[in-house]
């Protein structure tokens, strides 16, 4: 390959612009996973980082359909799993996206991340076929905590039973209404232990 082609096609970090990788290890290390706020239906909840700066910007770009952020965001989730909840029998349950949003983005954002993790770690499984939205829900942006709970009450169902340790995966945790609603459906279907994992959220206060 010519020097010109090397210069043109050499990847650079989307965060710090360093040449060589789309997301350099230095930027990934700057993100500190933490235990998030307690949720009533979840055993423990963890986040890859706080919703600010370039992590927030990366999530927004990804949710708007920019798939080049997939590997980076999946690596942050995997780092969080390995820091807190790694086990021999782990199944990721992505929060299902509305069909309209999948069409707009061109992909199912959370399932996409989970599939990327499962592809890298064979001991981690993904099950995106059982949890589903039973009805149309409003966009959560702008809703109060009580409105979010009402909006998500009974919104999720399960196609089949499930067992073992499961990890519900979402992008951002605000009030936790989505995760709690999904967890209720999973408990009813037989899940023994339920954790939650998200890219961003609020740290637990002690």
N, C-alpha and C. Protein backbone atom coordinates (compact mmCIF):
# COMPACT_ATOMS: atom_id res chain seq x y z
N UNK A 1 0.85 -1.19 0.00
CA UNK A 1 0.00 0.00 0.00
C UNK A 1 0.89 1.24 0.00
N UNK A 2 0.54 2.22 -0.83
CA UNK A 2 1.33 3.44 -0.92
C UNK A 2 1.24 4.25 0.36
N UNK A 3 2.22 5.14 0.56
CA UNK A 3 2.21 6.01 1.74
C UNK A 3 0.95 6.87 1.76
N UNK A 4 0.54 7.34 0.58
CA UNK A 4 -0.67 8.16 0.50
C UNK A 4 -1.88 7.39 0.97
N UNK A 5 -2.03 6.12 0.55
CA UNK A 5 -3.16 5.30 0.98
C UNK A 5 -3.12 5.05 2.47
N UNK A 6 -1.90 4.84 3.01
CA UNK A 6 -1.78 4.61 4.44
C UNK A 6 -2.27 5.82 5.23
N UNK A 7 -1.92 7.01 4.72
CA UNK A 7 -2.35 8.23 5.40
C UNK A 7 -3.85 8.42 5.30
N UNK A 8 -4.42 8.08 4.15
CA UNK A 8 -5.85 8.28 3.93
C UNK A 8 -6.68 7.29 4.75
N UNK A 9 -6.24 6.03 4.80
CA UNK A 9 -7.05 4.99 5.41
C UNK A 9 -6.65 4.62 6.84
N UNK A 10 -5.60 5.24 7.37
CA UNK A 10 -5.23 4.96 8.76
C UNK A 10 -6.33 5.44 9.68
N UNK A 11 -6.90 4.56 10.51
CA UNK A 11 -7.97 4.99 11.43
C UNK A 11 -7.43 5.92 12.51
N UNK A 12 -8.30 6.73 13.05
CA UNK A 12 -7.92 7.57 14.18
C UNK A 12 -9.02 7.54 15.23
N UNK A 13 -8.62 7.70 16.46
CA UNK A 13 -9.57 7.63 17.58
C UNK A 13 -10.65 8.69 17.41
N UNK A 14 -11.89 8.28 17.50
CA UNK A 14 -13.00 9.21 17.35
C UNK A 14 -13.12 10.16 18.54
N UNK A 15 -12.39 9.88 19.62
CA UNK A 15 -12.46 10.73 20.80
C UNK A 15 -11.32 11.75 20.83
N UNK A 16 -10.06 11.25 20.73
CA UNK A 16 -8.90 12.14 20.87
C UNK A 16 -8.15 12.37 19.57
N UNK A 17 -8.59 11.72 18.46
CA UNK A 17 -7.99 11.87 17.14
C UNK A 17 -6.60 11.24 17.00
N UNK A 18 -6.20 10.42 17.96
CA UNK A 18 -4.91 9.73 17.85
C UNK A 18 -4.99 8.70 16.73
N UNK A 19 -3.94 8.65 15.89
CA UNK A 19 -3.93 7.72 14.77
C UNK A 19 -3.68 6.29 15.23
N UNK A 20 -4.24 5.34 14.49
CA UNK A 20 -3.98 3.93 14.73
C UNK A 20 -5.21 3.11 15.06
N UNK A 21 -6.11 3.62 15.90
CA UNK A 21 -7.32 2.89 16.29
C UNK A 21 -8.49 3.85 16.33
N UNK A 22 -9.69 3.32 16.04
CA UNK A 22 -10.87 4.18 16.10
C UNK A 22 -11.17 4.62 17.52
N UNK A 23 -10.86 3.76 18.49
CA UNK A 23 -11.02 4.12 19.91
C UNK A 23 -9.78 3.60 20.63
N UNK A 24 -8.92 4.51 21.07
CA UNK A 24 -7.66 4.08 21.65
C UNK A 24 -7.86 3.60 23.09
N UNK A 25 -6.99 2.70 23.57
CA UNK A 25 -7.11 2.17 24.93
C UNK A 25 -7.08 3.26 26.00
N UNK A 26 -6.35 4.34 25.73
CA UNK A 26 -6.26 5.43 26.71
C UNK A 26 -7.62 6.05 26.98
N UNK A 27 -8.40 6.26 25.93
CA UNK A 27 -9.73 6.85 26.09
C UNK A 27 -10.67 5.89 26.80
N UNK A 28 -10.58 4.61 26.45
CA UNK A 28 -11.44 3.61 27.09
C UNK A 28 -11.13 3.52 28.59
N UNK A 29 -9.84 3.60 28.96
CA UNK A 29 -9.45 3.51 30.36
C UNK A 29 -9.94 4.69 31.19
N UNK A 30 -10.22 5.81 30.54
CA UNK A 30 -10.68 6.99 31.27
C UNK A 30 -12.10 6.81 31.80
N UNK A 31 -12.84 5.87 31.22
CA UNK A 31 -14.20 5.62 31.66
C UNK A 31 -14.15 4.68 32.86
N UNK A 32 -14.76 5.08 33.96
CA UNK A 32 -14.75 4.31 35.20
C UNK A 32 -16.14 3.73 35.49
N UNK A 33 -16.31 2.41 35.33
CA UNK A 33 -17.61 1.80 35.65
C UNK A 33 -17.94 1.96 37.13
N UNK A 34 -19.23 2.01 37.44
CA UNK A 34 -19.64 2.16 38.82
C UNK A 34 -20.97 1.46 39.07
N UNK A 35 -21.25 1.22 40.35
CA UNK A 35 -22.55 0.68 40.73
C UNK A 35 -23.54 1.83 40.73
N UNK A 36 -24.65 1.64 40.05
CA UNK A 36 -25.64 2.70 39.91
C UNK A 36 -26.66 2.65 41.05
N UNK A 37 -27.62 3.52 40.97
CA UNK A 37 -28.66 3.62 41.99
C UNK A 37 -29.40 2.30 42.14
N UNK A 38 -29.88 2.04 43.34
CA UNK A 38 -30.64 0.82 43.60
C UNK A 38 -32.02 0.91 42.95
N UNK A 39 -32.44 -0.20 42.35
CA UNK A 39 -33.76 -0.30 41.75
C UNK A 39 -34.52 -1.43 42.43
N UNK A 40 -35.80 -1.25 42.61
CA UNK A 40 -36.60 -2.17 43.42
C UNK A 40 -36.64 -3.60 42.87
N UNK A 41 -36.59 -3.78 41.57
CA UNK A 41 -36.73 -5.10 40.97
C UNK A 41 -35.40 -5.71 40.52
N UNK A 42 -34.30 -4.98 40.73
CA UNK A 42 -33.00 -5.39 40.23
C UNK A 42 -32.07 -5.71 41.40
N UNK A 43 -31.34 -6.82 41.30
CA UNK A 43 -30.40 -7.18 42.37
C UNK A 43 -29.29 -6.13 42.50
N UNK A 44 -28.64 -5.82 41.39
CA UNK A 44 -27.63 -4.77 41.36
C UNK A 44 -27.61 -4.17 39.96
N UNK A 45 -27.27 -2.90 39.89
CA UNK A 45 -27.29 -2.18 38.62
C UNK A 45 -25.95 -1.49 38.42
N UNK A 46 -25.39 -1.61 37.21
CA UNK A 46 -24.06 -1.05 36.94
C UNK A 46 -24.06 -0.22 35.66
N UNK A 47 -23.20 0.79 35.65
CA UNK A 47 -23.07 1.66 34.49
C UNK A 47 -21.61 1.78 34.07
N UNK A 48 -21.39 1.97 32.78
CA UNK A 48 -20.03 2.12 32.27
C UNK A 48 -19.45 3.48 32.60
N UNK A 49 -20.28 4.51 32.67
CA UNK A 49 -19.80 5.86 32.95
C UNK A 49 -20.95 6.82 33.17
N UNK A 50 -20.62 8.06 33.39
CA UNK A 50 -21.63 9.08 33.60
C UNK A 50 -22.02 9.73 32.28
N UNK A 51 -23.24 10.23 32.24
CA UNK A 51 -23.78 10.79 31.00
C UNK A 51 -23.26 12.22 30.83
N UNK A 52 -22.04 12.34 30.33
CA UNK A 52 -21.44 13.65 30.15
C UNK A 52 -20.32 13.58 29.13
N UNK A 53 -19.90 14.75 28.65
CA UNK A 53 -18.75 14.90 27.75
C UNK A 53 -18.85 14.00 26.53
N UNK A 54 -17.70 13.40 26.13
CA UNK A 54 -17.68 12.67 24.87
C UNK A 54 -18.40 11.33 24.93
N UNK A 55 -18.58 10.77 26.14
CA UNK A 55 -19.36 9.54 26.23
C UNK A 55 -20.82 9.84 25.89
N UNK A 56 -21.33 10.93 26.43
CA UNK A 56 -22.70 11.34 26.10
C UNK A 56 -22.82 11.59 24.60
N UNK A 57 -21.84 12.30 24.03
CA UNK A 57 -21.88 12.61 22.61
C UNK A 57 -21.83 11.34 21.76
N UNK A 58 -21.02 10.37 22.19
CA UNK A 58 -20.92 9.10 21.45
C UNK A 58 -22.24 8.35 21.46
N UNK A 59 -22.90 8.33 22.62
CA UNK A 59 -24.20 7.65 22.73
C UNK A 59 -25.24 8.32 21.85
N UNK A 60 -25.26 9.64 21.86
CA UNK A 60 -26.23 10.37 21.03
C UNK A 60 -26.00 10.06 19.56
N UNK A 61 -24.73 10.08 19.12
CA UNK A 61 -24.43 9.76 17.72
C UNK A 61 -24.88 8.34 17.38
N UNK A 62 -24.62 7.41 18.28
CA UNK A 62 -24.99 6.02 18.07
C UNK A 62 -26.50 5.86 17.98
N UNK A 63 -27.22 6.49 18.89
CA UNK A 63 -28.68 6.40 18.89
C UNK A 63 -29.30 7.08 17.68
N UNK A 64 -28.54 7.98 17.05
CA UNK A 64 -29.01 8.64 15.84
C UNK A 64 -28.62 7.87 14.58
N UNK A 65 -28.06 6.67 14.77
CA UNK A 65 -27.82 5.81 13.62
C UNK A 65 -26.38 5.69 13.16
N UNK A 66 -25.42 6.24 13.92
CA UNK A 66 -24.01 6.15 13.54
C UNK A 66 -23.41 4.87 14.11
N UNK A 67 -23.37 3.82 13.30
CA UNK A 67 -22.98 2.50 13.78
C UNK A 67 -21.49 2.36 14.05
N UNK A 68 -20.67 3.34 13.65
CA UNK A 68 -19.23 3.20 13.90
C UNK A 68 -18.89 3.25 15.38
N UNK A 69 -19.85 3.65 16.22
CA UNK A 69 -19.63 3.69 17.66
C UNK A 69 -19.94 2.34 18.33
N UNK A 70 -20.40 1.37 17.56
CA UNK A 70 -20.82 0.10 18.13
C UNK A 70 -19.73 -0.58 18.94
N UNK A 71 -18.56 -0.77 18.33
CA UNK A 71 -17.49 -1.52 19.00
C UNK A 71 -17.02 -0.80 20.27
N UNK A 72 -16.88 0.50 20.19
CA UNK A 72 -16.44 1.28 21.35
C UNK A 72 -17.40 1.15 22.52
N UNK A 73 -18.69 1.36 22.27
CA UNK A 73 -19.69 1.29 23.33
C UNK A 73 -19.82 -0.13 23.87
N UNK A 74 -19.71 -1.12 22.99
CA UNK A 74 -19.76 -2.52 23.43
C UNK A 74 -18.56 -2.83 24.33
N UNK A 75 -17.40 -2.29 24.02
CA UNK A 75 -16.22 -2.50 24.85
C UNK A 75 -16.40 -1.91 26.24
N UNK A 76 -17.06 -0.77 26.33
CA UNK A 76 -17.33 -0.16 27.63
C UNK A 76 -18.27 -1.03 28.46
N UNK A 77 -19.29 -1.60 27.82
CA UNK A 77 -20.20 -2.50 28.53
C UNK A 77 -19.48 -3.77 28.98
N UNK A 78 -18.64 -4.31 28.11
CA UNK A 78 -17.89 -5.52 28.47
C UNK A 78 -16.94 -5.24 29.63
N UNK A 79 -16.31 -4.08 29.61
CA UNK A 79 -15.42 -3.69 30.71
C UNK A 79 -16.20 -3.65 32.03
N UNK A 80 -17.42 -3.17 31.98
CA UNK A 80 -18.26 -3.08 33.17
C UNK A 80 -18.66 -4.47 33.66
N UNK A 81 -19.02 -5.35 32.74
CA UNK A 81 -19.35 -6.73 33.10
C UNK A 81 -18.17 -7.40 33.79
N UNK A 82 -17.00 -7.25 33.20
CA UNK A 82 -15.81 -7.90 33.75
C UNK A 82 -15.41 -7.31 35.11
N UNK A 83 -15.78 -6.06 35.35
CA UNK A 83 -15.45 -5.41 36.62
C UNK A 83 -16.37 -5.85 37.75
N UNK A 84 -17.64 -6.21 37.41
CA UNK A 84 -18.62 -6.41 38.47
C UNK A 84 -19.36 -7.74 38.44
N UNK A 85 -19.78 -8.22 37.28
CA UNK A 85 -20.74 -9.31 37.27
C UNK A 85 -20.36 -10.47 36.36
N UNK A 86 -19.08 -10.65 36.11
CA UNK A 86 -18.67 -11.76 35.27
C UNK A 86 -18.97 -13.08 35.95
N UNK A 87 -19.56 -14.03 35.23
CA UNK A 87 -19.85 -15.36 35.77
C UNK A 87 -19.79 -16.37 34.65
N UNK A 88 -19.91 -17.64 34.99
CA UNK A 88 -19.84 -18.70 33.99
C UNK A 88 -21.15 -18.89 33.23
N UNK A 89 -22.21 -18.35 33.76
CA UNK A 89 -23.53 -18.56 33.16
C UNK A 89 -24.27 -17.22 33.12
N UNK A 90 -24.00 -16.45 32.10
CA UNK A 90 -24.52 -15.09 32.02
C UNK A 90 -25.26 -14.89 30.70
N UNK A 91 -26.49 -14.41 30.78
CA UNK A 91 -27.27 -14.15 29.58
C UNK A 91 -27.67 -12.68 29.52
N UNK A 92 -27.32 -12.02 28.44
CA UNK A 92 -27.68 -10.62 28.24
C UNK A 92 -29.07 -10.55 27.62
N UNK A 93 -29.91 -9.70 28.21
CA UNK A 93 -31.26 -9.48 27.70
C UNK A 93 -31.38 -8.01 27.29
N UNK A 94 -31.29 -7.71 26.02
CA UNK A 94 -31.38 -6.31 25.60
C UNK A 94 -32.81 -5.78 25.71
N UNK A 95 -32.93 -4.55 26.18
CA UNK A 95 -34.24 -3.89 26.16
C UNK A 95 -34.64 -3.72 24.70
N UNK A 96 -35.78 -4.25 24.30
CA UNK A 96 -36.16 -4.17 22.88
C UNK A 96 -36.48 -2.75 22.43
N UNK A 97 -36.03 -2.42 21.24
CA UNK A 97 -36.32 -1.11 20.66
C UNK A 97 -37.65 -1.15 19.92
N UNK A 98 -38.30 -0.01 19.86
CA UNK A 98 -39.55 0.08 19.09
C UNK A 98 -39.24 -0.10 17.61
N UNK A 99 -40.11 -0.79 16.86
CA UNK A 99 -39.86 -1.03 15.43
C UNK A 99 -39.58 0.26 14.66
N UNK A 100 -40.26 1.35 15.02
CA UNK A 100 -40.04 2.62 14.32
C UNK A 100 -38.61 3.11 14.50
N UNK A 101 -38.08 2.97 15.72
CA UNK A 101 -36.70 3.42 15.97
C UNK A 101 -35.69 2.54 15.25
N UNK A 102 -35.98 1.25 15.16
CA UNK A 102 -35.08 0.35 14.42
C UNK A 102 -35.03 0.75 12.96
N UNK A 103 -36.17 1.10 12.40
CA UNK A 103 -36.21 1.53 11.00
C UNK A 103 -35.45 2.83 10.82
N UNK A 104 -35.61 3.77 11.74
CA UNK A 104 -34.93 5.05 11.63
C UNK A 104 -33.42 4.92 11.72
N UNK A 105 -32.94 4.09 12.66
CA UNK A 105 -31.49 3.93 12.86
C UNK A 105 -30.87 2.98 11.85
N UNK A 106 -31.66 2.01 11.42
CA UNK A 106 -31.11 0.99 10.54
C UNK A 106 -30.61 -0.22 11.30
N UNK A 107 -30.74 -0.21 12.62
CA UNK A 107 -30.33 -1.34 13.45
C UNK A 107 -30.97 -1.21 14.82
N UNK A 108 -31.01 -2.34 15.55
CA UNK A 108 -31.52 -2.35 16.92
C UNK A 108 -30.34 -2.03 17.83
N UNK A 109 -30.32 -0.84 18.40
CA UNK A 109 -29.13 -0.32 19.07
C UNK A 109 -28.64 -1.19 20.23
N UNK A 110 -29.51 -1.60 21.15
CA UNK A 110 -29.07 -2.36 22.32
C UNK A 110 -28.74 -3.80 21.94
N UNK A 111 -29.55 -4.42 21.12
CA UNK A 111 -29.26 -5.78 20.66
C UNK A 111 -27.94 -5.83 19.92
N UNK A 112 -27.66 -4.79 19.15
CA UNK A 112 -26.42 -4.68 18.41
C UNK A 112 -25.21 -4.72 19.34
N UNK A 113 -25.29 -3.99 20.45
CA UNK A 113 -24.19 -3.96 21.43
C UNK A 113 -24.02 -5.32 22.10
N UNK A 114 -25.14 -5.92 22.49
CA UNK A 114 -25.09 -7.22 23.16
C UNK A 114 -24.51 -8.30 22.24
N UNK A 115 -24.87 -8.25 20.97
CA UNK A 115 -24.36 -9.22 20.00
C UNK A 115 -22.86 -9.07 19.85
N UNK A 116 -22.38 -7.83 19.88
CA UNK A 116 -20.96 -7.57 19.77
C UNK A 116 -20.19 -8.16 20.95
N UNK A 117 -20.77 -8.02 22.15
CA UNK A 117 -20.15 -8.58 23.36
C UNK A 117 -20.13 -10.10 23.30
N UNK A 118 -21.26 -10.71 22.94
CA UNK A 118 -21.36 -12.16 22.88
C UNK A 118 -20.42 -12.75 21.84
N UNK A 119 -20.17 -12.00 20.79
CA UNK A 119 -19.26 -12.47 19.76
C UNK A 119 -17.82 -12.50 20.27
N UNK A 120 -17.49 -11.58 21.15
CA UNK A 120 -16.12 -11.52 21.68
C UNK A 120 -15.90 -12.47 22.85
N UNK A 121 -16.95 -12.72 23.65
CA UNK A 121 -16.83 -13.60 24.81
C UNK A 121 -17.83 -14.75 24.69
N UNK A 122 -17.33 -15.93 24.38
CA UNK A 122 -18.23 -17.07 24.13
C UNK A 122 -18.97 -17.51 25.39
N UNK A 123 -18.44 -17.16 26.57
CA UNK A 123 -19.13 -17.53 27.81
C UNK A 123 -20.31 -16.62 28.12
N UNK A 124 -20.44 -15.53 27.38
CA UNK A 124 -21.57 -14.61 27.56
C UNK A 124 -22.57 -14.86 26.44
N UNK A 125 -23.82 -15.12 26.80
CA UNK A 125 -24.85 -15.39 25.81
C UNK A 125 -25.77 -14.17 25.65
N UNK A 126 -26.47 -14.14 24.56
CA UNK A 126 -27.47 -13.10 24.33
C UNK A 126 -28.79 -13.77 23.99
N UNK A 127 -29.87 -13.26 24.56
CA UNK A 127 -31.20 -13.76 24.24
C UNK A 127 -32.09 -12.55 23.95
N UNK A 128 -32.29 -12.28 22.69
CA UNK A 128 -33.10 -11.13 22.29
C UNK A 128 -34.47 -11.52 21.78
N UNK A 129 -34.82 -12.80 21.96
CA UNK A 129 -36.07 -13.29 21.37
C UNK A 129 -37.23 -13.39 22.37
N UNK A 130 -36.93 -13.38 23.67
CA UNK A 130 -37.99 -13.63 24.65
C UNK A 130 -38.68 -12.36 25.16
N UNK A 131 -37.90 -11.35 25.54
CA UNK A 131 -38.48 -10.12 26.08
C UNK A 131 -39.00 -9.27 24.93
N UNK A 132 -40.23 -8.79 25.06
CA UNK A 132 -40.80 -7.98 23.98
C UNK A 132 -41.72 -6.90 24.56
N UNK A 133 -41.96 -5.88 23.74
CA UNK A 133 -42.89 -4.82 24.11
C UNK A 133 -44.31 -5.26 23.82
N UNK A 134 -45.15 -5.27 24.83
CA UNK A 134 -46.53 -5.71 24.66
C UNK A 134 -47.40 -4.64 24.01
N UNK A 135 -46.99 -3.41 24.15
CA UNK A 135 -47.77 -2.30 23.61
C UNK A 135 -46.85 -1.13 23.28
N UNK A 136 -47.38 -0.17 22.58
CA UNK A 136 -46.63 1.04 22.25
C UNK A 136 -46.47 1.91 23.49
N UNK A 137 -45.27 2.41 23.71
CA UNK A 137 -45.02 3.31 24.84
C UNK A 137 -44.57 4.66 24.31
N UNK A 138 -44.77 5.68 25.13
CA UNK A 138 -44.33 7.03 24.76
C UNK A 138 -42.82 7.15 24.88
N UNK A 139 -42.25 8.09 24.14
CA UNK A 139 -40.84 8.39 24.32
C UNK A 139 -40.66 8.92 25.74
N UNK A 140 -39.66 8.39 26.46
CA UNK A 140 -39.47 8.74 27.86
C UNK A 140 -38.92 10.15 28.07
N UNK A 141 -38.31 10.72 27.04
CA UNK A 141 -37.69 12.05 27.18
C UNK A 141 -38.75 13.08 27.56
N UNK A 142 -38.49 13.80 28.63
CA UNK A 142 -39.40 14.87 29.06
C UNK A 142 -40.45 14.43 30.05
N UNK A 143 -40.57 13.12 30.31
CA UNK A 143 -41.57 12.64 31.26
C UNK A 143 -41.03 12.71 32.68
N UNK A 144 -41.91 12.94 33.64
CA UNK A 144 -41.52 12.92 35.04
C UNK A 144 -41.34 11.47 35.49
N UNK A 145 -40.80 11.29 36.70
CA UNK A 145 -40.58 9.94 37.22
C UNK A 145 -41.89 9.16 37.30
N UNK A 146 -42.95 9.79 37.80
CA UNK A 146 -44.23 9.10 37.91
C UNK A 146 -44.83 8.80 36.54
N UNK A 147 -44.65 9.72 35.60
CA UNK A 147 -45.15 9.50 34.24
C UNK A 147 -44.41 8.35 33.56
N UNK A 148 -43.11 8.24 33.83
CA UNK A 148 -42.33 7.15 33.27
C UNK A 148 -42.81 5.79 33.81
N UNK A 149 -43.11 5.75 35.10
CA UNK A 149 -43.59 4.51 35.69
C UNK A 149 -44.92 4.10 35.09
N UNK A 150 -45.82 5.08 34.92
CA UNK A 150 -47.12 4.80 34.30
C UNK A 150 -46.96 4.35 32.85
N UNK A 151 -46.05 5.02 32.15
CA UNK A 151 -45.80 4.72 30.74
C UNK A 151 -45.30 3.30 30.54
N UNK A 152 -44.46 2.82 31.47
CA UNK A 152 -43.84 1.50 31.33
C UNK A 152 -44.54 0.39 32.09
N UNK A 153 -45.56 0.72 32.89
CA UNK A 153 -46.24 -0.31 33.69
C UNK A 153 -46.83 -1.39 32.77
N UNK A 154 -46.41 -2.61 32.98
CA UNK A 154 -46.92 -3.73 32.18
C UNK A 154 -46.56 -3.68 30.72
N UNK A 155 -45.54 -2.91 30.37
CA UNK A 155 -45.20 -2.73 28.96
C UNK A 155 -44.48 -3.93 28.35
N UNK A 156 -43.83 -4.74 29.20
CA UNK A 156 -43.03 -5.85 28.69
C UNK A 156 -43.68 -7.20 28.97
N UNK A 157 -43.44 -8.12 28.07
CA UNK A 157 -43.90 -9.49 28.24
C UNK A 157 -42.80 -10.45 27.83
N UNK A 158 -42.99 -11.75 28.10
CA UNK A 158 -42.01 -12.77 27.74
C UNK A 158 -42.68 -13.82 26.86
N UNK A 159 -42.01 -14.19 25.78
CA UNK A 159 -42.52 -15.23 24.90
C UNK A 159 -42.36 -16.62 25.49
N UNK A 160 -41.29 -16.80 26.30
CA UNK A 160 -41.00 -18.11 26.86
C UNK A 160 -40.46 -17.96 28.27
N UNK A 161 -40.33 -19.07 28.97
CA UNK A 161 -39.71 -19.04 30.29
C UNK A 161 -38.20 -18.85 30.15
N UNK A 162 -37.58 -18.46 31.25
CA UNK A 162 -36.13 -18.25 31.25
C UNK A 162 -35.62 -18.57 32.64
N UNK A 163 -34.35 -18.98 32.74
CA UNK A 163 -33.80 -19.26 34.07
C UNK A 163 -32.34 -18.85 34.12
N UNK A 164 -31.76 -18.98 35.31
CA UNK A 164 -30.37 -18.61 35.48
C UNK A 164 -30.19 -17.14 35.80
N UNK A 165 -28.96 -16.65 35.61
CA UNK A 165 -28.62 -15.26 35.87
C UNK A 165 -28.74 -14.47 34.57
N UNK A 166 -29.52 -13.40 34.62
CA UNK A 166 -29.71 -12.57 33.43
C UNK A 166 -29.28 -11.13 33.72
N UNK A 167 -28.85 -10.46 32.68
CA UNK A 167 -28.45 -9.06 32.78
C UNK A 167 -29.25 -8.26 31.76
N UNK A 168 -30.13 -7.41 32.25
CA UNK A 168 -30.89 -6.55 31.35
C UNK A 168 -29.99 -5.40 30.91
N UNK A 169 -29.96 -5.13 29.62
CA UNK A 169 -29.05 -4.11 29.08
C UNK A 169 -29.84 -2.98 28.44
N UNK A 170 -29.49 -1.75 28.81
CA UNK A 170 -30.11 -0.55 28.23
C UNK A 170 -29.01 0.47 27.97
N UNK A 171 -29.38 1.59 27.35
CA UNK A 171 -28.35 2.59 27.07
C UNK A 171 -28.14 3.57 28.24
N UNK A 172 -29.23 4.19 28.70
CA UNK A 172 -29.12 5.18 29.78
C UNK A 172 -30.17 4.89 30.85
N UNK A 173 -29.75 4.93 32.11
CA UNK A 173 -30.68 4.77 33.23
C UNK A 173 -31.00 6.14 33.82
N UNK A 174 -32.28 6.46 33.87
CA UNK A 174 -32.68 7.71 34.51
C UNK A 174 -33.44 7.37 35.80
N UNK A 175 -34.73 7.13 35.69
CA UNK A 175 -35.50 6.75 36.88
C UNK A 175 -35.46 5.24 37.14
N UNK A 176 -35.12 4.46 36.13
CA UNK A 176 -35.10 3.00 36.25
C UNK A 176 -36.43 2.36 35.94
N UNK A 177 -37.40 3.13 35.48
CA UNK A 177 -38.74 2.59 35.20
C UNK A 177 -38.70 1.51 34.13
N UNK A 178 -37.91 1.69 33.09
CA UNK A 178 -37.80 0.70 32.02
C UNK A 178 -37.24 -0.61 32.55
N UNK A 179 -36.15 -0.53 33.29
CA UNK A 179 -35.50 -1.73 33.81
C UNK A 179 -36.38 -2.47 34.80
N UNK A 180 -37.05 -1.74 35.69
CA UNK A 180 -37.94 -2.37 36.67
C UNK A 180 -39.08 -3.11 35.98
N UNK A 181 -39.65 -2.47 34.96
CA UNK A 181 -40.77 -3.09 34.24
C UNK A 181 -40.31 -4.36 33.53
N UNK A 182 -39.14 -4.30 32.91
CA UNK A 182 -38.61 -5.48 32.22
C UNK A 182 -38.28 -6.58 33.23
N UNK A 183 -37.73 -6.20 34.39
CA UNK A 183 -37.37 -7.18 35.41
C UNK A 183 -38.59 -7.92 35.94
N UNK A 184 -39.70 -7.24 36.08
CA UNK A 184 -40.93 -7.90 36.55
C UNK A 184 -41.34 -9.01 35.58
N UNK A 185 -41.25 -8.71 34.29
CA UNK A 185 -41.61 -9.71 33.28
C UNK A 185 -40.65 -10.90 33.33
N UNK A 186 -39.38 -10.62 33.55
CA UNK A 186 -38.38 -11.69 33.62
C UNK A 186 -38.57 -12.56 34.86
N UNK A 187 -38.88 -11.93 35.99
CA UNK A 187 -39.13 -12.70 37.22
C UNK A 187 -40.34 -13.61 37.04
N UNK A 188 -41.39 -13.09 36.44
CA UNK A 188 -42.59 -13.87 36.21
C UNK A 188 -42.29 -15.07 35.30
N UNK A 189 -41.30 -14.89 34.40
CA UNK A 189 -40.95 -15.96 33.46
C UNK A 189 -39.94 -16.94 34.03
N UNK A 190 -39.43 -16.68 35.27
CA UNK A 190 -38.59 -17.66 35.93
C UNK A 190 -37.14 -17.29 36.18
N UNK A 191 -36.70 -16.08 35.83
CA UNK A 191 -35.30 -15.70 36.06
C UNK A 191 -34.99 -15.70 37.55
N UNK A 192 -33.84 -16.30 37.94
CA UNK A 192 -33.48 -16.40 39.35
C UNK A 192 -32.76 -15.14 39.87
N UNK A 193 -31.81 -14.65 39.10
CA UNK A 193 -31.05 -13.46 39.50
C UNK A 193 -31.08 -12.47 38.34
N UNK A 194 -31.37 -11.21 38.66
CA UNK A 194 -31.48 -10.19 37.62
C UNK A 194 -30.58 -9.00 37.95
N UNK A 195 -29.63 -8.75 37.07
CA UNK A 195 -28.78 -7.57 37.16
C UNK A 195 -29.15 -6.62 36.03
N UNK A 196 -28.66 -5.40 36.11
CA UNK A 196 -28.89 -4.44 35.04
C UNK A 196 -27.58 -3.79 34.65
N UNK A 197 -27.46 -3.48 33.39
CA UNK A 197 -26.24 -2.90 32.83
C UNK A 197 -26.63 -1.80 31.85
N UNK A 198 -25.97 -0.66 31.95
CA UNK A 198 -26.24 0.44 31.04
C UNK A 198 -24.95 1.20 30.74
N UNK A 199 -24.99 1.95 29.68
CA UNK A 199 -23.83 2.76 29.32
C UNK A 199 -23.67 3.93 30.31
N UNK A 200 -24.78 4.52 30.70
CA UNK A 200 -24.72 5.69 31.59
C UNK A 200 -25.83 5.66 32.62
N UNK A 201 -25.60 6.37 33.72
CA UNK A 201 -26.60 6.47 34.78
C UNK A 201 -26.06 7.29 35.92
N UNK A 202 -26.75 7.25 37.05
CA UNK A 202 -26.38 8.01 38.23
C UNK A 202 -25.72 7.08 39.24
N UNK A 203 -24.53 7.45 39.76
CA UNK A 203 -23.87 6.61 40.76
C UNK A 203 -24.72 6.42 42.00
N UNK A 204 -24.55 5.28 42.63
CA UNK A 204 -25.26 4.98 43.87
C UNK A 204 -24.75 5.89 44.98
N UNK A 205 -25.67 6.42 45.76
CA UNK A 205 -25.29 7.23 46.92
C UNK A 205 -25.27 6.36 48.16
N UNK A 206 -24.24 6.47 48.97
CA UNK A 206 -24.10 5.62 50.14
C UNK A 206 -24.64 6.32 51.39
